[in-house]
């Protein structure tokens, strides 16, 4: 796991730091780590949605399609993934 991913999931970081870490994952094209963030139940929705948007920016349509079909992912996130794929 990358340092940015670890920062994004760490519980004792500020919202700003978490957002910046997710943005770094996007800029570095870390598609798999972004998909993991979407799947994680412990993160607030805003961060999971940002990870979804990041996957779209990285042209990760195959991962977005997988997330759209994954019944363990929150339904609103699945709908958004389907829209973005």
N, C-alpha and C. Protein backbone atom coordinates (compact mmCIF):
# COMPACT_ATOMS: atom_id res chain seq x y z
N UNK A 1 0.83 -1.18 0.00
CA UNK A 1 0.00 0.00 0.00
C UNK A 1 0.88 1.25 0.00
N UNK A 2 0.44 2.23 -0.74
CA UNK A 2 1.22 3.46 -0.83
C UNK A 2 1.05 4.31 0.43
N UNK A 3 1.95 5.23 0.61
CA UNK A 3 1.89 6.15 1.74
C UNK A 3 0.61 6.98 1.69
N UNK A 4 0.23 7.40 0.49
CA UNK A 4 -0.98 8.21 0.34
C UNK A 4 -2.22 7.41 0.74
N UNK A 5 -2.26 6.15 0.36
CA UNK A 5 -3.39 5.30 0.75
C UNK A 5 -3.43 5.17 2.27
N UNK A 6 -2.30 4.91 2.87
CA UNK A 6 -2.24 4.77 4.33
C UNK A 6 -2.70 6.04 5.02
N UNK A 7 -2.33 7.18 4.47
CA UNK A 7 -2.78 8.46 5.04
C UNK A 7 -4.29 8.60 4.89
N UNK A 8 -4.83 8.22 3.75
CA UNK A 8 -6.26 8.35 3.50
C UNK A 8 -7.10 7.51 4.45
N UNK A 9 -6.60 6.37 4.87
CA UNK A 9 -7.39 5.48 5.74
C UNK A 9 -7.06 5.63 7.22
N UNK A 10 -6.02 6.34 7.56
CA UNK A 10 -5.64 6.53 8.96
C UNK A 10 -6.73 7.32 9.68
N UNK A 11 -7.08 6.90 10.87
CA UNK A 11 -8.19 7.52 11.59
C UNK A 11 -7.85 8.86 12.22
N UNK A 12 -6.60 9.13 12.46
CA UNK A 12 -6.23 10.34 13.20
C UNK A 12 -5.68 11.45 12.30
N UNK A 13 -6.23 11.60 11.09
CA UNK A 13 -5.80 12.67 10.20
C UNK A 13 -6.96 13.63 9.97
N UNK A 14 -6.63 14.86 9.65
CA UNK A 14 -7.67 15.87 9.40
C UNK A 14 -8.36 15.59 8.07
N UNK A 15 -9.52 16.17 7.92
CA UNK A 15 -10.26 16.01 6.66
C UNK A 15 -9.45 16.56 5.48
N UNK A 16 -8.79 17.68 5.71
CA UNK A 16 -7.98 18.28 4.64
C UNK A 16 -6.86 17.35 4.22
N UNK A 17 -6.18 16.75 5.19
CA UNK A 17 -5.08 15.83 4.88
C UNK A 17 -5.60 14.60 4.15
N UNK A 18 -6.76 14.09 4.57
CA UNK A 18 -7.35 12.93 3.91
C UNK A 18 -7.71 13.26 2.45
N UNK A 19 -8.33 14.43 2.24
CA UNK A 19 -8.67 14.85 0.87
C UNK A 19 -7.42 14.98 0.01
N UNK A 20 -6.38 15.58 0.57
CA UNK A 20 -5.12 15.73 -0.17
C UNK A 20 -4.52 14.38 -0.52
N UNK A 21 -4.58 13.44 0.39
CA UNK A 21 -4.05 12.10 0.12
C UNK A 21 -4.83 11.43 -1.01
N UNK A 22 -6.14 11.57 -1.01
CA UNK A 22 -6.95 10.99 -2.09
C UNK A 22 -6.62 11.67 -3.41
N UNK A 23 -6.47 12.98 -3.38
CA UNK A 23 -6.10 13.70 -4.61
C UNK A 23 -4.74 13.24 -5.13
N UNK A 24 -3.82 12.93 -4.26
CA UNK A 24 -2.51 12.41 -4.69
C UNK A 24 -2.65 11.03 -5.31
N UNK A 25 -3.53 10.20 -4.75
CA UNK A 25 -3.79 8.89 -5.36
C UNK A 25 -4.31 9.06 -6.78
N UNK A 26 -5.18 10.04 -6.97
CA UNK A 26 -5.72 10.30 -8.30
C UNK A 26 -4.62 10.77 -9.24
N UNK A 27 -3.83 11.73 -8.79
CA UNK A 27 -2.79 12.28 -9.67
C UNK A 27 -1.73 11.25 -10.03
N UNK A 28 -1.53 10.26 -9.16
CA UNK A 28 -0.55 9.21 -9.43
C UNK A 28 -1.19 7.99 -10.10
N UNK A 29 -2.49 8.07 -10.36
CA UNK A 29 -3.16 6.99 -11.08
C UNK A 29 -3.25 5.68 -10.31
N UNK A 30 -3.38 5.75 -9.00
CA UNK A 30 -3.45 4.53 -8.19
C UNK A 30 -4.88 4.00 -8.16
N UNK A 31 -5.28 3.43 -9.26
CA UNK A 31 -6.66 2.98 -9.46
C UNK A 31 -7.11 1.95 -8.43
N UNK A 32 -6.31 0.94 -8.19
CA UNK A 32 -6.71 -0.12 -7.26
C UNK A 32 -6.92 0.43 -5.86
N UNK A 33 -6.04 1.32 -5.42
CA UNK A 33 -6.19 1.91 -4.09
C UNK A 33 -7.43 2.80 -4.01
N UNK A 34 -7.73 3.51 -5.08
CA UNK A 34 -8.96 4.32 -5.11
C UNK A 34 -10.19 3.43 -5.00
N UNK A 35 -10.18 2.31 -5.72
CA UNK A 35 -11.31 1.37 -5.65
C UNK A 35 -11.45 0.81 -4.24
N UNK A 36 -10.34 0.54 -3.58
CA UNK A 36 -10.39 0.05 -2.20
C UNK A 36 -11.03 1.09 -1.27
N UNK A 37 -10.73 2.35 -1.49
CA UNK A 37 -11.34 3.40 -0.68
C UNK A 37 -12.85 3.42 -0.83
N UNK A 38 -13.32 3.22 -2.06
CA UNK A 38 -14.76 3.19 -2.31
C UNK A 38 -15.39 2.02 -1.58
N UNK A 39 -14.72 0.90 -1.55
CA UNK A 39 -15.26 -0.31 -0.93
C UNK A 39 -15.24 -0.26 0.59
N UNK A 40 -14.40 0.58 1.16
CA UNK A 40 -14.24 0.62 2.62
C UNK A 40 -15.46 1.23 3.29
N UNK A 41 -15.98 0.53 4.26
CA UNK A 41 -17.15 1.03 4.97
C UNK A 41 -16.83 2.07 6.02
N UNK A 42 -15.60 2.15 6.47
CA UNK A 42 -15.25 3.05 7.56
C UNK A 42 -15.02 4.50 7.16
N UNK A 43 -14.95 4.79 5.88
CA UNK A 43 -14.71 6.16 5.43
C UNK A 43 -16.03 6.89 5.21
N UNK A 44 -16.02 8.18 5.48
CA UNK A 44 -17.21 9.00 5.23
C UNK A 44 -17.50 9.01 3.74
N UNK A 45 -18.77 9.19 3.43
CA UNK A 45 -19.22 9.18 2.04
C UNK A 45 -18.52 10.17 1.15
N UNK A 46 -18.21 11.36 1.67
CA UNK A 46 -17.56 12.37 0.83
C UNK A 46 -16.21 11.89 0.29
N UNK A 47 -15.49 11.12 1.11
CA UNK A 47 -14.18 10.62 0.67
C UNK A 47 -14.34 9.46 -0.30
N UNK A 48 -15.33 8.65 -0.08
CA UNK A 48 -15.59 7.53 -1.00
C UNK A 48 -16.06 8.07 -2.35
N UNK A 49 -16.89 9.12 -2.33
CA UNK A 49 -17.33 9.74 -3.58
C UNK A 49 -16.16 10.38 -4.32
N UNK A 50 -15.25 11.01 -3.58
CA UNK A 50 -14.06 11.62 -4.21
C UNK A 50 -13.21 10.54 -4.87
N UNK A 51 -13.08 9.38 -4.21
CA UNK A 51 -12.33 8.28 -4.80
C UNK A 51 -13.00 7.81 -6.10
N UNK A 52 -14.35 7.76 -6.11
CA UNK A 52 -15.07 7.39 -7.33
C UNK A 52 -14.79 8.39 -8.45
N UNK A 53 -14.88 9.66 -8.13
CA UNK A 53 -14.60 10.69 -9.13
C UNK A 53 -13.17 10.55 -9.64
N UNK A 54 -12.26 10.23 -8.74
CA UNK A 54 -10.87 10.03 -9.13
C UNK A 54 -10.70 8.86 -10.08
N UNK A 55 -11.45 7.80 -9.86
CA UNK A 55 -11.39 6.66 -10.79
C UNK A 55 -11.84 7.09 -12.18
N UNK A 56 -12.87 7.93 -12.24
CA UNK A 56 -13.32 8.43 -13.54
C UNK A 56 -12.23 9.27 -14.20
N UNK A 57 -11.55 10.10 -13.42
CA UNK A 57 -10.47 10.92 -13.95
C UNK A 57 -9.32 10.07 -14.46
N UNK A 58 -9.13 8.90 -13.85
CA UNK A 58 -8.05 7.98 -14.26
C UNK A 58 -8.49 7.04 -15.38
N UNK A 59 -9.69 7.25 -15.91
CA UNK A 59 -10.22 6.39 -16.98
C UNK A 59 -10.25 4.92 -16.57
N UNK A 60 -10.68 4.67 -15.34
CA UNK A 60 -10.72 3.31 -14.80
C UNK A 60 -12.13 2.73 -14.95
N UNK A 61 -12.62 2.72 -16.17
CA UNK A 61 -14.00 2.28 -16.39
C UNK A 61 -14.24 0.84 -15.97
N UNK A 62 -13.22 -0.01 -16.11
CA UNK A 62 -13.40 -1.42 -15.72
C UNK A 62 -13.60 -1.54 -14.21
N UNK A 63 -12.87 -0.76 -13.43
CA UNK A 63 -13.05 -0.78 -11.98
C UNK A 63 -14.38 -0.14 -11.58
N UNK A 64 -14.77 0.91 -12.28
CA UNK A 64 -16.07 1.53 -12.00
C UNK A 64 -17.21 0.55 -12.28
N UNK A 65 -17.09 -0.22 -13.35
CA UNK A 65 -18.11 -1.23 -13.67
C UNK A 65 -18.16 -2.30 -12.58
N UNK A 66 -17.01 -2.73 -12.10
CA UNK A 66 -16.97 -3.73 -11.03
C UNK A 66 -17.64 -3.18 -9.77
N UNK A 67 -17.34 -1.93 -9.43
CA UNK A 67 -17.93 -1.32 -8.25
C UNK A 67 -19.44 -1.17 -8.40
N UNK A 68 -19.89 -0.86 -9.61
CA UNK A 68 -21.32 -0.71 -9.86
C UNK A 68 -22.08 -2.02 -9.65
N UNK A 69 -21.40 -3.12 -9.82
CA UNK A 69 -22.03 -4.44 -9.66
C UNK A 69 -21.78 -5.08 -8.30
N UNK A 70 -20.93 -4.48 -7.50
CA UNK A 70 -20.55 -5.04 -6.20
C UNK A 70 -21.63 -4.73 -5.16
N UNK A 71 -22.36 -5.74 -4.74
CA UNK A 71 -23.48 -5.53 -3.82
C UNK A 71 -23.03 -5.16 -2.40
N UNK A 72 -21.74 -5.27 -2.11
CA UNK A 72 -21.25 -4.87 -0.78
C UNK A 72 -21.00 -3.36 -0.71
N UNK A 73 -21.00 -2.70 -1.86
CA UNK A 73 -20.80 -1.26 -1.92
C UNK A 73 -22.15 -0.58 -1.72
N UNK A 74 -22.15 0.52 -1.00
CA UNK A 74 -23.37 1.28 -0.76
C UNK A 74 -24.12 1.55 -2.08
N UNK A 75 -25.45 1.38 -2.09
CA UNK A 75 -26.23 1.54 -3.33
C UNK A 75 -26.03 2.89 -4.02
N UNK A 76 -25.92 3.97 -3.26
CA UNK A 76 -25.74 5.28 -3.90
C UNK A 76 -24.38 5.36 -4.60
N UNK A 77 -23.38 4.73 -4.02
CA UNK A 77 -22.06 4.70 -4.65
C UNK A 77 -22.07 3.79 -5.88
N UNK A 78 -22.82 2.71 -5.81
CA UNK A 78 -22.93 1.82 -6.98
C UNK A 78 -23.60 2.55 -8.14
N UNK A 79 -24.65 3.31 -7.85
CA UNK A 79 -25.32 4.08 -8.92
C UNK A 79 -24.37 5.11 -9.52
N UNK A 80 -23.61 5.77 -8.67
CA UNK A 80 -22.67 6.78 -9.16
C UNK A 80 -21.57 6.13 -10.00
N UNK A 81 -21.09 4.98 -9.57
CA UNK A 81 -20.06 4.25 -10.33
C UNK A 81 -20.60 3.88 -11.70
N UNK A 82 -21.86 3.44 -11.75
CA UNK A 82 -22.46 3.07 -13.03
C UNK A 82 -22.56 4.28 -13.95
N UNK A 83 -22.90 5.43 -13.40
CA UNK A 83 -22.99 6.65 -14.18
C UNK A 83 -21.62 7.06 -14.73
N UNK A 84 -20.59 6.88 -13.93
CA UNK A 84 -19.24 7.32 -14.32
C UNK A 84 -18.53 6.35 -15.26
N UNK A 85 -18.97 5.08 -15.28
CA UNK A 85 -18.25 4.08 -16.08
C UNK A 85 -18.48 4.23 -17.57
